[in-house]
Amino acid sequence: MSKVIQFFRESKAELKKVVWPSRDDVVSSVIVVIVSTFVVAIILGLLDLGFTAAFRAIMR
């Protein structure tokens, strides 16, 4: 049981050393992730449409 308590004490000490990002940093990172997700989704959707059209043309 003492090892468990020691683990939590050490974890708490390590968390005090962490430099947490500011709110502005988090918001800007979230915006980058959302925009890049939409861009990749659009690219994959266009590729899917292209491959579907090509496959249908080949099957005719």
PDB file of N, CA and C in Angstrom:
ATOM      1  N   MET A   1       0.827  -1.200   0.000  1.00  0.00           N
ATOM      2  CA  MET A   1       0.000   0.000   0.000  1.00  0.00           C
ATOM      3  C   MET A   1       0.868   1.260   0.000  1.00  0.00           C
ATOM      4  N   SER A   2       2.049   1.171   0.589  1.00  0.00           N
ATOM      5  CA  SER A   2       2.926   2.343   0.635  1.00  0.00           C
ATOM      6  C   SER A   2       3.427   2.717  -0.747  1.00  0.00           C
ATOM      7  N   LYS A   3       3.572   1.727  -1.638  1.00  0.00           N
ATOM      8  CA  LYS A   3       4.011   2.020  -3.006  1.00  0.00           C
ATOM      9  C   LYS A   3       2.932   2.778  -3.780  1.00  0.00           C
ATOM     10  N   VAL A   4       1.693   2.460  -3.505  1.00  0.00           N
ATOM     11  CA  VAL A   4       0.582   3.153  -4.157  1.00  0.00           C
ATOM     12  C   VAL A   4       0.557   4.613  -3.707  1.00  0.00           C
ATOM     13  N   ILE A   5       0.708   4.825  -2.420  1.00  0.00           N
ATOM     14  CA  ILE A   5       0.716   6.198  -1.892  1.00  0.00           C
ATOM     15  C   ILE A   5       1.909   6.967  -2.446  1.00  0.00           C
ATOM     16  N   GLN A   6       3.064   6.307  -2.525  1.00  0.00           N
ATOM     17  CA  GLN A   6       4.258   6.944  -3.085  1.00  0.00           C
ATOM     18  C   GLN A   6       4.033   7.302  -4.552  1.00  0.00           C
ATOM     19  N   PHE A   7       3.379   6.416  -5.290  1.00  0.00           N
ATOM     20  CA  PHE A   7       3.091   6.688  -6.694  1.00  0.00           C
ATOM     21  C   PHE A   7       2.252   7.954  -6.840  1.00  0.00           C
ATOM     22  N   PHE A   8       1.197   8.088  -6.041  1.00  0.00           N
ATOM     23  CA  PHE A   8       0.340   9.264  -6.147  1.00  0.00           C
ATOM     24  C   PHE A   8       1.066  10.530  -5.711  1.00  0.00           C
ATOM     25  N   ARG A   9       1.928  10.447  -4.723  1.00  0.00           N
ATOM     26  CA  ARG A   9       2.710  11.618  -4.305  1.00  0.00           C
ATOM     27  C   ARG A   9       3.651  12.056  -5.419  1.00  0.00           C
ATOM     28  N   GLU A  10       4.326  11.104  -6.039  1.00  0.00           N
ATOM     29  CA  GLU A  10       5.240  11.426  -7.129  1.00  0.00           C
ATOM     30  C   GLU A  10       4.478  11.961  -8.337  1.00  0.00           C
ATOM     31  N   SER A  11       3.311  11.411  -8.605  1.00  0.00           N
ATOM     32  CA  SER A  11       2.495  11.902  -9.720  1.00  0.00           C
ATOM     33  C   SER A  11       2.078  13.339  -9.479  1.00  0.00           C
ATOM     34  N   LYS A  12       1.678  13.643  -8.264  1.00  0.00           N
ATOM     35  CA  LYS A  12       1.277  15.010  -7.923  1.00  0.00           C
ATOM     36  C   LYS A  12       2.457  15.970  -8.078  1.00  0.00           C
ATOM     37  N   ALA A  13       3.639  15.541  -7.657  1.00  0.00           N
ATOM     38  CA  ALA A  13       4.837  16.377  -7.783  1.00  0.00           C
ATOM     39  C   ALA A  13       5.163  16.626  -9.259  1.00  0.00           C
ATOM     40  N   GLU A  14       5.024  15.608 -10.087  1.00  0.00           N
ATOM     41  CA  GLU A  14       5.303  15.769 -11.522  1.00  0.00           C
ATOM     42  C   GLU A  14       4.290  16.697 -12.177  1.00  0.00           C
ATOM     43  N   LEU A  15       3.033  16.604 -11.784  1.00  0.00           N
ATOM     44  CA  LEU A  15       2.018  17.472 -12.370  1.00  0.00           C
ATOM     45  C   LEU A  15       2.247  18.943 -12.029  1.00  0.00           C
ATOM     46  N   LYS A  16       2.892  19.211 -10.921  1.00  0.00           N
ATOM     47  CA  LYS A  16       3.213  20.596 -10.558  1.00  0.00           C
ATOM     48  C   LYS A  16       4.288  21.174 -11.469  1.00  0.00           C
ATOM     49  N   LYS A  17       5.089  20.303 -12.095  1.00  0.00           N
ATOM     50  CA  LYS A  17       6.164  20.742 -12.992  1.00  0.00           C
ATOM     51  C   LYS A  17       5.662  21.032 -14.411  1.00  0.00           C
ATOM     52  N   VAL A  18       4.469  20.591 -14.718  1.00  0.00           N
ATOM     53  CA  VAL A  18       3.936  20.726 -16.075  1.00  0.00           C
ATOM     54  C   VAL A  18       3.643  22.187 -16.382  1.00  0.00           C
ATOM     55  N   VAL A  19       4.040  22.614 -17.581  1.00  0.00           N
ATOM     56  CA  VAL A  19       3.702  23.957 -18.050  1.00  0.00           C
ATOM     57  C   VAL A  19       2.468  23.814 -18.927  1.00  0.00           C
ATOM     58  N   TRP A  20       1.326  24.222 -18.389  1.00  0.00           N
ATOM     59  CA  TRP A  20       0.060  24.061 -19.095  1.00  0.00           C
ATOM     60  C   TRP A  20      -0.090  25.151 -20.144  1.00  0.00           C
ATOM     61  N   PRO A  21      -0.661  24.848 -21.311  1.00  0.00           N
ATOM     62  CA  PRO A  21      -0.848  25.867 -22.352  1.00  0.00           C
ATOM     63  C   PRO A  21      -1.906  26.884 -21.931  1.00  0.00           C
ATOM     64  N   SER A  22      -1.762  28.068 -22.496  1.00  0.00           N
ATOM     65  CA  SER A  22      -2.751  29.109 -22.198  1.00  0.00           C
ATOM     66  C   SER A  22      -4.035  28.815 -22.957  1.00  0.00           C
ATOM     67  N   ARG A  23      -5.081  29.504 -22.586  1.00  0.00           N
ATOM     68  CA  ARG A  23      -6.379  29.314 -23.247  1.00  0.00           C
ATOM     69  C   ARG A  23      -6.280  29.680 -24.725  1.00  0.00           C
ATOM     70  N   ASP A  24      -5.548  30.741 -25.044  1.00  0.00           N
ATOM     71  CA  ASP A  24      -5.393  31.153 -26.446  1.00  0.00           C
ATOM     72  C   ASP A  24      -4.668  30.081 -27.259  1.00  0.00           C
ATOM     73  N   ASP A  25      -3.653  29.457 -26.663  1.00  0.00           N
ATOM     74  CA  ASP A  25      -2.938  28.385 -27.359  1.00  0.00           C
ATOM     75  C   ASP A  25      -3.860  27.206 -27.646  1.00  0.00           C
ATOM     76  N   VAL A  26      -4.673  26.852 -26.674  1.00  0.00           N
ATOM     77  CA  VAL A  26      -5.597  25.725 -26.844  1.00  0.00           C
ATOM     78  C   VAL A  26      -6.635  26.038 -27.911  1.00  0.00           C
ATOM     79  N   VAL A  27      -7.190  27.244 -27.875  1.00  0.00           N
ATOM     80  CA  VAL A  27      -8.212  27.632 -28.856  1.00  0.00           C
ATOM     81  C   VAL A  27      -7.623  27.631 -30.260  1.00  0.00           C
ATOM     82  N   SER A  28      -6.424  28.185 -30.423  1.00  0.00           N
ATOM     83  CA  SER A  28      -5.827  28.212 -31.761  1.00  0.00           C
ATOM     84  C   SER A  28      -5.510  26.799 -32.248  1.00  0.00           C
ATOM     85  N   SER A  29      -5.077  25.927 -31.359  1.00  0.00           N
ATOM     86  CA  SER A  29      -4.806  24.542 -31.762  1.00  0.00           C
ATOM     87  C   SER A  29      -6.086  23.818 -32.160  1.00  0.00           C
ATOM     88  N   VAL A  30      -7.160  24.056 -31.439  1.00  0.00           N
ATOM     89  CA  VAL A  30      -8.446  23.438 -31.772  1.00  0.00           C
ATOM     90  C   VAL A  30      -8.933  23.922 -33.139  1.00  0.00           C
ATOM     91  N   ILE A  31      -8.767  25.202 -33.412  1.00  0.00           N
ATOM     92  CA  ILE A  31      -9.181  25.746 -34.714  1.00  0.00           C
ATOM     93  C   ILE A  31      -8.380  25.100 -35.835  1.00  0.00           C
ATOM     94  N   VAL A  32      -7.079  24.935 -35.634  1.00  0.00           N
ATOM     95  CA  VAL A  32      -6.241  24.292 -36.658  1.00  0.00           C
ATOM     96  C   VAL A  32      -6.704  22.862 -36.899  1.00  0.00           C
ATOM     97  N   VAL A  33      -7.016  22.133 -35.847  1.00  0.00           N
ATOM     98  CA  VAL A  33      -7.463  20.746 -35.989  1.00  0.00           C
ATOM     99  C   VAL A  33      -8.799  20.682 -36.728  1.00  0.00           C
ATOM    100  N   ILE A  34      -9.734  21.548 -36.385  1.00  0.00           N
ATOM    101  CA  ILE A  34     -11.047  21.538 -37.040  1.00  0.00           C
ATOM    102  C   ILE A  34     -10.929  21.895 -38.520  1.00  0.00           C
ATOM    103  N   VAL A  35     -10.167  22.925 -38.828  1.00  0.00           N
ATOM    104  CA  VAL A  35     -10.003  23.341 -40.237  1.00  0.00           C
ATOM    105  C   VAL A  35      -9.313  22.244 -41.034  1.00  0.00           C
ATOM    106  N   SER A  36      -8.244  21.667 -40.486  1.00  0.00           N
ATOM    107  CA  SER A  36      -7.544  20.616 -41.225  1.00  0.00           C
ATOM    108  C   SER A  36      -8.422  19.378 -41.397  1.00  0.00           C
ATOM    109  N   THR A  37      -9.273  19.091 -40.428  1.00  0.00           N
ATOM    110  CA  THR A  37     -10.195  17.964 -40.560  1.00  0.00           C
ATOM    111  C   THR A  37     -11.172  18.191 -41.698  1.00  0.00           C
ATOM    112  N   PHE A  38     -11.722  19.407 -41.797  1.00  0.00           N
ATOM    113  CA  PHE A  38     -12.639  19.710 -42.890  1.00  0.00           C
ATOM    114  C   PHE A  38     -11.932  19.655 -44.242  1.00  0.00           C
ATOM    115  N   VAL A  39     -10.709  20.148 -44.315  1.00  0.00           N
ATOM    116  CA  VAL A  39      -9.969  20.125 -45.583  1.00  0.00           C
ATOM    117  C   VAL A  39      -9.725  18.681 -46.024  1.00  0.00           C
ATOM    118  N   VAL A  40      -9.285  17.839 -45.110  1.00  0.00           N
ATOM    119  CA  VAL A  40      -9.036  16.432 -45.447  1.00  0.00           C
ATOM    120  C   VAL A  40     -10.342  15.741 -45.831  1.00  0.00           C
ATOM    121  N   ALA A  41     -11.435  16.051 -45.137  1.00  0.00           N
ATOM    122  CA  ALA A  41     -12.729  15.446 -45.471  1.00  0.00           C
ATOM    123  C   ALA A  41     -13.175  15.841 -46.868  1.00  0.00           C
ATOM    124  N   ILE A  42     -12.982  17.090 -47.232  1.00  0.00           N
ATOM    125  CA  ILE A  42     -13.352  17.555 -48.577  1.00  0.00           C
ATOM    126  C   ILE A  42     -12.496  16.856 -49.632  1.00  0.00           C
ATOM    127  N   ILE A  43     -11.192  16.769 -49.386  1.00  0.00           N
ATOM    128  CA  ILE A  43     -10.303  16.102 -50.352  1.00  0.00           C
ATOM    129  C   ILE A  43     -10.697  14.631 -50.520  1.00  0.00           C
ATOM    130  N   LEU A  44     -10.946  13.948 -49.413  1.00  0.00           N
ATOM    131  CA  LEU A  44     -11.338  12.535 -49.501  1.00  0.00           C
ATOM    132  C   LEU A  44     -12.695  12.365 -50.176  1.00  0.00           C
ATOM    133  N   GLY A  45     -13.617  13.284 -49.918  1.00  0.00           N
ATOM    134  CA  GLY A  45     -14.916  13.228 -50.582  1.00  0.00           C
ATOM    135  C   GLY A  45     -14.792  13.408 -52.079  1.00  0.00           C
ATOM    136  N   LEU A  46     -13.953  14.350 -52.501  1.00  0.00           N
ATOM    137  CA  LEU A  46     -13.752  14.558 -53.945  1.00  0.00           C
ATOM    138  C   LEU A  46     -13.075  13.352 -54.584  1.00  0.00           C
ATOM    139  N   LEU A  47     -12.100  12.780 -53.898  1.00  0.00           N
ATOM    140  CA  LEU A  47     -11.460  11.569 -54.417  1.00  0.00           C
ATOM    141  C   LEU A  47     -12.466  10.418 -54.535  1.00  0.00           C
ATOM    142  N   ASP A  48     -13.326  10.298 -53.555  1.00  0.00           N
ATOM    143  CA  ASP A  48     -14.348   9.255 -53.584  1.00  0.00           C
ATOM    144  C   ASP A  48     -15.288   9.456 -54.765  1.00  0.00           C
ATOM    145  N   LEU A  49     -15.713  10.680 -54.976  1.00  0.00           N
ATOM    146  CA  LEU A  49     -16.581  10.959 -56.137  1.00  0.00           C
ATOM    147  C   LEU A  49     -15.872  10.626 -57.450  1.00  0.00           C
ATOM    148  N   GLY A  50     -14.609  10.988 -57.541  1.00  0.00           N
ATOM    149  CA  GLY A  50     -13.842  10.712 -58.761  1.00  0.00           C
ATOM    150  C   GLY A  50     -13.673   9.225 -59.009  1.00  0.00           C
ATOM    151  N   PHE A  51     -13.304   8.498 -57.966  1.00  0.00           N
ATOM    152  CA  PHE A  51     -13.126   7.056 -58.129  1.00  0.00           C
ATOM    153  C   PHE A  51     -14.450   6.355 -58.414  1.00  0.00           C
ATOM    154  N   THR A  52     -15.531   6.826 -57.817  1.00  0.00           N
ATOM    155  CA  THR A  52     -16.842   6.238 -58.079  1.00  0.00           C
ATOM    156  C   THR A  52     -17.244   6.455 -59.542  1.00  0.00           C
ATOM    157  N   ALA A  53     -17.030   7.680 -60.026  1.00  0.00           N
ATOM    158  CA  ALA A  53     -17.360   7.976 -61.425  1.00  0.00           C
ATOM    159  C   ALA A  53     -16.489   7.142 -62.369  1.00  0.00           C
ATOM    160  N   ALA A  54     -15.202   7.016 -62.066  1.00  0.00           N
ATOM    161  CA  ALA A  54     -14.306   6.225 -62.910  1.00  0.00           C
ATOM    162  C   ALA A  54     -14.709   4.755 -62.895  1.00  0.00           C
ATOM    163  N   PHE A  55     -15.059   4.231 -61.733  1.00  0.00           N
ATOM    164  CA  PHE A  55     -15.460   2.836 -61.633  1.00  0.00           C
ATOM    165  C   PHE A  55     -16.754   2.582 -62.418  1.00  0.00           C
ATOM    166  N   ARG A  56     -17.695   3.503 -62.300  1.00  0.00           N
ATOM    167  CA  ARG A  56     -18.957   3.357 -63.053  1.00  0.00           C
ATOM    168  C   ARG A  56     -18.698   3.419 -64.558  1.00  0.00           C
ATOM    169  N   ALA A  57     -17.796   4.289 -65.000  1.00  0.00           N
ATOM    170  CA  ALA A  57     -17.463   4.385 -66.421  1.00  0.00           C
ATOM    171  C   ALA A  57     -16.824   3.098 -66.916  1.00  0.00           C
ATOM    172  N   ILE A  58     -15.987   2.502 -66.095  1.00  0.00           N
ATOM    173  CA  ILE A  58     -15.317   1.260 -66.486  1.00  0.00           C
ATOM    174  C   ILE A  58     -16.330   0.104 -66.562  1.00  0.00           C
ATOM    175  N   MET A  59     -17.299   0.088 -65.648  1.00  0.00           N
ATOM    176  CA  MET A  59     -18.264  -1.007 -65.579  1.00  0.00           C
ATOM    177  C   MET A  59     -19.323  -0.943 -66.693  1.00  0.00           C
ATOM    178  N   ARG A  60     -19.436   0.164 -67.390  1.00  0.00           N
ATOM    179  CA  ARG A  60     -20.423   0.274 -68.478  1.00  0.00           C
ATOM    180  C   ARG A  60     -19.952  -0.371 -69.705  1.00  0.00           C
TER     181      ARG A  60
END
